[in-house]
Amino acid sequence: MVSLSVSHDRHDESLEAKARWFQSLSIEERMELLCEFTDLMLALNPDIARRKDAQPVEGRVLVLTAE
C-alpha cells in the first residue's frame, strides 16, 4: 500500500525523485497532466498557439525544428 503523506525532505525534490514519481503514473495520468499543463499555458498566454518560428532562448530550453 502506498503511503500518502507530505514530505519536507529536500531529497524528495530531486530530479530523480520527480522522474520516479512521473514514471509511477499510468499513461492516462500522464496524458491528463499534459492536458492540464497545456490548458494552463493557453490560459496564461492565449496567443502562444498562433506564434510561429519559435526562437531558442538561453538556458536549458532547446527548440527543435523539422526539416
PDB file of N, CA and C in Angstrom:
ATOM      1  N   MET A   1       0.840  -1.177   0.000  1.00  0.00           N
ATOM      2  CA  MET A   1       0.000   0.000   0.000  1.00  0.00           C
ATOM      3  C   MET A   1       0.887   1.243   0.000  1.00  0.00           C
ATOM      4  N   VAL A   2       0.524   2.232  -0.783  1.00  0.00           N
ATOM      5  CA  VAL A   2       1.299   3.462  -0.903  1.00  0.00           C
ATOM      6  C   VAL A   2       0.947   4.382   0.258  1.00  0.00           C
ATOM      7  N   SER A   3       1.970   4.934   0.875  1.00  0.00           N
ATOM      8  CA  SER A   3       1.759   5.863   1.981  1.00  0.00           C
ATOM      9  C   SER A   3       1.545   7.265   1.420  1.00  0.00           C
ATOM     10  N   LEU A   4       0.395   7.845   1.715  1.00  0.00           N
ATOM     11  CA  LEU A   4       0.100   9.202   1.263  1.00  0.00           C
ATOM     12  C   LEU A   4       0.443  10.171   2.385  1.00  0.00           C
ATOM     13  N   SER A   5       1.525  10.897   2.205  1.00  0.00           N
ATOM     14  CA  SER A   5       1.937  11.848   3.230  1.00  0.00           C
ATOM     15  C   SER A   5       2.700  12.993   2.576  1.00  0.00           C
ATOM     16  N   VAL A   6       2.877  14.034   3.323  1.00  0.00           N
ATOM     17  CA  VAL A   6       3.631  15.187   2.860  1.00  0.00           C
ATOM     18  C   VAL A   6       5.063  15.049   3.363  1.00  0.00           C
ATOM     19  N   SER A   7       5.994  15.247   2.463  1.00  0.00           N
ATOM     20  CA  SER A   7       7.399  15.178   2.838  1.00  0.00           C
ATOM     21  C   SER A   7       8.008  16.572   2.787  1.00  0.00           C
ATOM     22  N   HIS A   8       8.853  16.856   3.745  1.00  0.00           N
ATOM     23  CA  HIS A   8       9.560  18.133   3.765  1.00  0.00           C
ATOM     24  C   HIS A   8      11.055  17.917   3.553  1.00  0.00           C
ATOM     25  N   ASP A   9      11.392  16.765   3.007  1.00  0.00           N
ATOM     26  CA  ASP A   9      12.774  16.409   2.752  1.00  0.00           C
ATOM     27  C   ASP A   9      13.184  16.926   1.381  1.00  0.00           C
ATOM     28  N   ARG A  10      14.251  17.731   1.314  1.00  0.00           N
ATOM     29  CA  ARG A  10      14.724  18.280   0.043  1.00  0.00           C
ATOM     30  C   ARG A  10      15.121  17.182  -0.933  1.00  0.00           C
ATOM     31  N   HIS A  11      15.553  16.033  -0.406  1.00  0.00           N
ATOM     32  CA  HIS A  11      15.943  14.912  -1.266  1.00  0.00           C
ATOM     33  C   HIS A  11      14.762  14.447  -2.111  1.00  0.00           C
ATOM     34  N   ASP A  12      13.561  14.576  -1.599  1.00  0.00           N
ATOM     35  CA  ASP A  12      12.370  14.173  -2.351  1.00  0.00           C
ATOM     36  C   ASP A  12      12.071  15.119  -3.501  1.00  0.00           C
ATOM     37  N   GLU A  13      12.756  16.247  -3.573  1.00  0.00           N
ATOM     38  CA  GLU A  13      12.546  17.215  -4.643  1.00  0.00           C
ATOM     39  C   GLU A  13      13.602  17.109  -5.736  1.00  0.00           C
ATOM     40  N   SER A  14      14.442  16.106  -5.675  1.00  0.00           N
ATOM     41  CA  SER A  14      15.484  15.953  -6.681  1.00  0.00           C
ATOM     42  C   SER A  14      14.858  15.585  -8.026  1.00  0.00           C
ATOM     43  N   LEU A  15      15.611  15.807  -9.105  1.00  0.00           N
ATOM     44  CA  LEU A  15      15.131  15.429 -10.427  1.00  0.00           C
ATOM     45  C   LEU A  15      14.852  13.934 -10.500  1.00  0.00           C
ATOM     46  N   GLU A  16      15.688  13.144  -9.831  1.00  0.00           N
ATOM     47  CA  GLU A  16      15.491  11.697  -9.842  1.00  0.00           C
ATOM     48  C   GLU A  16      14.185  11.324  -9.150  1.00  0.00           C
ATOM     49  N   ALA A  17      13.880  11.976  -8.019  1.00  0.00           N
ATOM     50  CA  ALA A  17      12.631  11.695  -7.305  1.00  0.00           C
ATOM     51  C   ALA A  17      11.428  12.104  -8.138  1.00  0.00           C
ATOM     52  N   LYS A  18      11.541  13.238  -8.819  1.00  0.00           N
ATOM     53  CA  LYS A  18      10.440  13.683  -9.672  1.00  0.00           C
ATOM     54  C   LYS A  18      10.253  12.722 -10.842  1.00  0.00           C
ATOM     55  N   ALA A  19      11.354  12.238 -11.412  1.00  0.00           N
ATOM     56  CA  ALA A  19      11.265  11.282 -12.521  1.00  0.00           C
ATOM     57  C   ALA A  19      10.627   9.981 -12.049  1.00  0.00           C
ATOM     58  N   ARG A  20      11.007   9.509 -10.847  1.00  0.00           N
ATOM     59  CA  ARG A  20      10.396   8.291 -10.315  1.00  0.00           C
ATOM     60  C   ARG A  20       8.898   8.481 -10.119  1.00  0.00           C
ATOM     61  N   TRP A  21       8.492   9.649  -9.607  1.00  0.00           N
ATOM     62  CA  TRP A  21       7.075   9.930  -9.414  1.00  0.00           C
ATOM     63  C   TRP A  21       6.348   9.914 -10.757  1.00  0.00           C
ATOM     64  N   PHE A  22       6.910  10.597 -11.760  1.00  0.00           N
ATOM     65  CA  PHE A  22       6.271  10.664 -13.073  1.00  0.00           C
ATOM     66  C   PHE A  22       6.164   9.273 -13.689  1.00  0.00           C
ATOM     67  N   GLN A  23       7.215   8.472 -13.550  1.00  0.00           N
ATOM     68  CA  GLN A  23       7.195   7.125 -14.110  1.00  0.00           C
ATOM     69  C   GLN A  23       6.189   6.231 -13.405  1.00  0.00           C
ATOM     70  N   SER A  24       5.819   6.580 -12.178  1.00  0.00           N
ATOM     71  CA  SER A  24       4.842   5.767 -11.442  1.00  0.00           C
ATOM     72  C   SER A  24       3.414   6.020 -11.930  1.00  0.00           C
ATOM     73  N   LEU A  25       3.213   7.075 -12.718  1.00  0.00           N
ATOM     74  CA  LEU A  25       1.877   7.391 -13.223  1.00  0.00           C
ATOM     75  C   LEU A  25       1.522   6.493 -14.402  1.00  0.00           C
ATOM     76  N   SER A  26       0.241   6.231 -14.559  1.00  0.00           N
ATOM     77  CA  SER A  26      -0.220   5.477 -15.726  1.00  0.00           C
ATOM     78  C   SER A  26      -0.164   6.399 -16.951  1.00  0.00           C
ATOM     79  N   ILE A  27      -0.284   5.823 -18.127  1.00  0.00           N
ATOM     80  CA  ILE A  27      -0.305   6.617 -19.359  1.00  0.00           C
ATOM     81  C   ILE A  27      -1.455   7.610 -19.319  1.00  0.00           C
ATOM     82  N   GLU A  28      -2.602   7.173 -18.817  1.00  0.00           N
ATOM     83  CA  GLU A  28      -3.763   8.053 -18.725  1.00  0.00           C
ATOM     84  C   GLU A  28      -3.489   9.242 -17.813  1.00  0.00           C
ATOM     85  N   GLU A  29      -2.822   8.988 -16.686  1.00  0.00           N
ATOM     86  CA  GLU A  29      -2.493  10.075 -15.755  1.00  0.00           C
ATOM     87  C   GLU A  29      -1.471  11.034 -16.361  1.00  0.00           C
ATOM     88  N   ARG A  30      -0.511  10.485 -17.096  1.00  0.00           N
ATOM     89  CA  ARG A  30       0.483  11.347 -17.756  1.00  0.00           C
ATOM     90  C   ARG A  30      -0.176  12.242 -18.801  1.00  0.00           C
ATOM     91  N   MET A  31      -1.093  11.671 -19.574  1.00  0.00           N
ATOM     92  CA  MET A  31      -1.784  12.451 -20.599  1.00  0.00           C
ATOM     93  C   MET A  31      -2.680  13.510 -19.963  1.00  0.00           C
ATOM     94  N   GLU A  32      -3.306  13.184 -18.840  1.00  0.00           N
ATOM     95  CA  GLU A  32      -4.129  14.164 -18.133  1.00  0.00           C
ATOM     96  C   GLU A  32      -3.265  15.340 -17.668  1.00  0.00           C
ATOM     97  N   LEU A  33      -2.071  15.048 -17.146  1.00  0.00           N
ATOM     98  CA  LEU A  33      -1.146  16.118 -16.751  1.00  0.00           C
ATOM     99  C   LEU A  33      -0.752  16.973 -17.947  1.00  0.00           C
ATOM    100  N   LEU A  34      -0.454  16.331 -19.072  1.00  0.00           N
ATOM    101  CA  LEU A  34      -0.095  17.074 -20.281  1.00  0.00           C
ATOM    102  C   LEU A  34      -1.230  18.013 -20.679  1.00  0.00           C
ATOM    103  N   CYS A  35      -2.457  17.522 -20.642  1.00  0.00           N
ATOM    104  CA  CYS A  35      -3.614  18.355 -20.993  1.00  0.00           C
ATOM    105  C   CYS A  35      -3.780  19.508 -20.008  1.00  0.00           C
ATOM    106  N   GLU A  36      -3.577  19.230 -18.721  1.00  0.00           N
ATOM    107  CA  GLU A  36      -3.698  20.288 -17.717  1.00  0.00           C
ATOM    108  C   GLU A  36      -2.621  21.356 -17.899  1.00  0.00           C
ATOM    109  N   PHE A  37      -1.385  20.935 -18.179  1.00  0.00           N
ATOM    110  CA  PHE A  37      -0.310  21.907 -18.407  1.00  0.00           C
ATOM    111  C   PHE A  37      -0.589  22.730 -19.665  1.00  0.00           C
ATOM    112  N   THR A  38      -1.106  22.077 -20.705  1.00  0.00           N
ATOM    113  CA  THR A  38      -1.431  22.790 -21.940  1.00  0.00           C
ATOM    114  C   THR A  38      -2.541  23.803 -21.699  1.00  0.00           C
ATOM    115  N   ASP A  39      -3.574  23.396 -20.968  1.00  0.00           N
ATOM    116  CA  ASP A  39      -4.664  24.319 -20.635  1.00  0.00           C
ATOM    117  C   ASP A  39      -4.153  25.509 -19.827  1.00  0.00           C
ATOM    118  N   LEU A  40      -3.258  25.250 -18.879  1.00  0.00           N
ATOM    119  CA  LEU A  40      -2.682  26.324 -18.070  1.00  0.00           C
ATOM    120  C   LEU A  40      -1.877  27.277 -18.941  1.00  0.00           C
ATOM    121  N   MET A  41      -1.050  26.738 -19.824  1.00  0.00           N
ATOM    122  CA  MET A  41      -0.238  27.571 -20.714  1.00  0.00           C
ATOM    123  C   MET A  41      -1.121  28.445 -21.598  1.00  0.00           C
ATOM    124  N   LEU A  42      -2.179  27.849 -22.147  1.00  0.00           N
ATOM    125  CA  LEU A  42      -3.070  28.614 -23.014  1.00  0.00           C
ATOM    126  C   LEU A  42      -3.878  29.647 -22.235  1.00  0.00           C
ATOM    127  N   ALA A  43      -4.211  29.354 -20.987  1.00  0.00           N
ATOM    128  CA  ALA A  43      -4.936  30.324 -20.162  1.00  0.00           C
ATOM    129  C   ALA A  43      -4.051  31.527 -19.833  1.00  0.00           C
ATOM    130  N   LEU A  44      -2.774  31.268 -19.600  1.00  0.00           N
ATOM    131  CA  LEU A  44      -1.850  32.346 -19.260  1.00  0.00           C
ATOM    132  C   LEU A  44      -1.401  33.140 -20.475  1.00  0.00           C
ATOM    133  N   ASN A  45      -1.340  32.472 -21.645  1.00  0.00           N
ATOM    134  CA  ASN A  45      -0.854  33.126 -22.855  1.00  0.00           C
ATOM    135  C   ASN A  45      -1.624  32.587 -24.059  1.00  0.00           C
ATOM    136  N   PRO A  46      -2.856  33.076 -24.283  1.00  0.00           N
ATOM    137  CA  PRO A  46      -3.691  32.530 -25.353  1.00  0.00           C
ATOM    138  C   PRO A  46      -3.094  32.688 -26.754  1.00  0.00           C
ATOM    139  N   ASP A  47      -2.228  33.649 -26.959  1.00  0.00           N
ATOM    140  CA  ASP A  47      -1.649  33.879 -28.287  1.00  0.00           C
ATOM    141  C   ASP A  47      -0.538  32.895 -28.634  1.00  0.00           C
ATOM    142  N   ILE A  48      -0.112  32.101 -27.686  1.00  0.00           N
ATOM    143  CA  ILE A  48       1.034  31.219 -27.931  1.00  0.00           C
ATOM    144  C   ILE A  48       0.745  30.195 -29.024  1.00  0.00           C
ATOM    145  N   ALA A  49      -0.506  29.786 -29.164  1.00  0.00           N
ATOM    146  CA  ALA A  49      -0.854  28.794 -30.194  1.00  0.00           C
ATOM    147  C   ALA A  49      -0.711  29.364 -31.599  1.00  0.00           C
ATOM    148  N   ARG A  50      -0.781  30.676 -31.732  1.00  0.00           N
ATOM    149  CA  ARG A  50      -0.688  31.305 -33.055  1.00  0.00           C
ATOM    150  C   ARG A  50       0.739  31.737 -33.408  1.00  0.00           C
ATOM    151  N   ARG A  51       1.652  31.608 -32.475  1.00  0.00           N
ATOM    152  CA  ARG A  51       3.031  32.033 -32.743  1.00  0.00           C
ATOM    153  C   ARG A  51       3.736  31.023 -33.626  1.00  0.00           C
ATOM    154  N   LYS A  52       4.553  31.533 -34.526  1.00  0.00           N
ATOM    155  CA  LYS A  52       5.330  30.672 -35.418  1.00  0.00           C
ATOM    156  C   LYS A  52       6.803  31.052 -35.299  1.00  0.00           C
ATOM    157  N   ASP A  53       7.630  30.196 -35.840  1.00  0.00           N
ATOM    158  CA  ASP A  53       9.067  30.457 -35.868  1.00  0.00           C
ATOM    159  C   ASP A  53       9.628  30.721 -34.471  1.00  0.00           C
ATOM    160  N   ALA A  54       9.435  29.776 -33.580  1.00  0.00           N
ATOM    161  CA  ALA A  54       9.976  29.904 -32.229  1.00  0.00           C
ATOM    162  C   ALA A  54      11.488  30.039 -32.286  1.00  0.00           C
ATOM    163  N   GLN A  55      12.018  30.866 -31.446  1.00  0.00           N
ATOM    164  CA  GLN A  55      13.454  31.097 -31.388  1.00  0.00           C
ATOM    165  C   GLN A  55      14.003  30.520 -30.085  1.00  0.00           C
ATOM    166  N   PRO A  56      15.219  29.967 -30.123  1.00  0.00           N
ATOM    167  CA  PRO A  56      15.795  29.421 -28.893  1.00  0.00           C
ATOM    168  C   PRO A  56      16.088  30.536 -27.890  1.00  0.00           C
ATOM    169  N   VAL A  57      15.987  30.197 -26.625  1.00  0.00           N
ATOM    170  CA  VAL A  57      16.331  31.126 -25.554  1.00  0.00           C
ATOM    171  C   VAL A  57      17.518  30.560 -24.802  1.00  0.00           C
ATOM    172  N   GLU A  58      18.249  31.426 -24.164  1.00  0.00           N
ATOM    173  CA  GLU A  58      19.403  30.956 -23.410  1.00  0.00           C
ATOM    174  C   GLU A  58      18.937  30.163 -22.199  1.00  0.00           C
ATOM    175  N   GLY A  59      19.687  29.145 -21.854  1.00  0.00           N
ATOM    176  CA  GLY A  59      19.327  28.324 -20.706  1.00  0.00           C
ATOM    177  C   GLY A  59      19.180  26.877 -21.114  1.00  0.00           C
ATOM    178  N   ARG A  60      18.244  26.201 -20.469  1.00  0.00           N
ATOM    179  CA  ARG A  60      18.099  24.763 -20.662  1.00  0.00           C
ATOM    180  C   ARG A  60      17.013  24.397 -21.657  1.00  0.00           C
ATOM    181  N   VAL A  61      16.489  25.360 -22.380  1.00  0.00           N
ATOM    182  CA  VAL A  61      15.421  25.088 -23.338  1.00  0.00           C
ATOM    183  C   VAL A  61      16.028  24.897 -24.726  1.00  0.00           C
ATOM    184  N   LEU A  62      15.627  23.854 -25.424  1.00  0.00           N
ATOM    185  CA  LEU A  62      16.130  23.582 -26.758  1.00  0.00           C
ATOM    186  C   LEU A  62      14.953  23.546 -27.706  1.00  0.00           C
ATOM    187  N   VAL A  63      14.984  24.341 -28.766  1.00  0.00           N
ATOM    188  CA  VAL A  63      13.914  24.364 -29.764  1.00  0.00           C
ATOM    189  C   VAL A  63      14.311  23.446 -30.899  1.00  0.00           C
ATOM    190  N   LEU A  64      13.467  22.461 -31.182  1.00  0.00           N
ATOM    191  CA  LEU A  64      13.717  21.513 -32.266  1.00  0.00           C
ATOM    192  C   LEU A  64      12.861  21.876 -33.455  1.00  0.00           C
ATOM    193  N   THR A  65      13.422  21.739 -34.642  1.00  0.00           N
ATOM    194  CA  THR A  65      12.649  22.039 -35.847  1.00  0.00           C
ATOM    195  C   THR A  65      12.695  20.828 -36.769  1.00  0.00           C
ATOM    196  N   ALA A  66      11.621  20.626 -37.517  1.00  0.00           N
ATOM    197  CA  ALA A  66      11.568  19.555 -38.507  1.00  0.00           C
ATOM    198  C   ALA A  66      12.028  20.119 -39.837  1.00  0.00           C
ATOM    199  N   GLU A  67      12.893  19.422 -40.492  1.00  0.00           N
ATOM    200  CA  GLU A  67      13.386  19.892 -41.781  1.00  0.00           C
ATOM    201  C   GLU A  67      13.042  18.916 -42.861  1.00  0.00           C
TER     202      GLU A  67
END
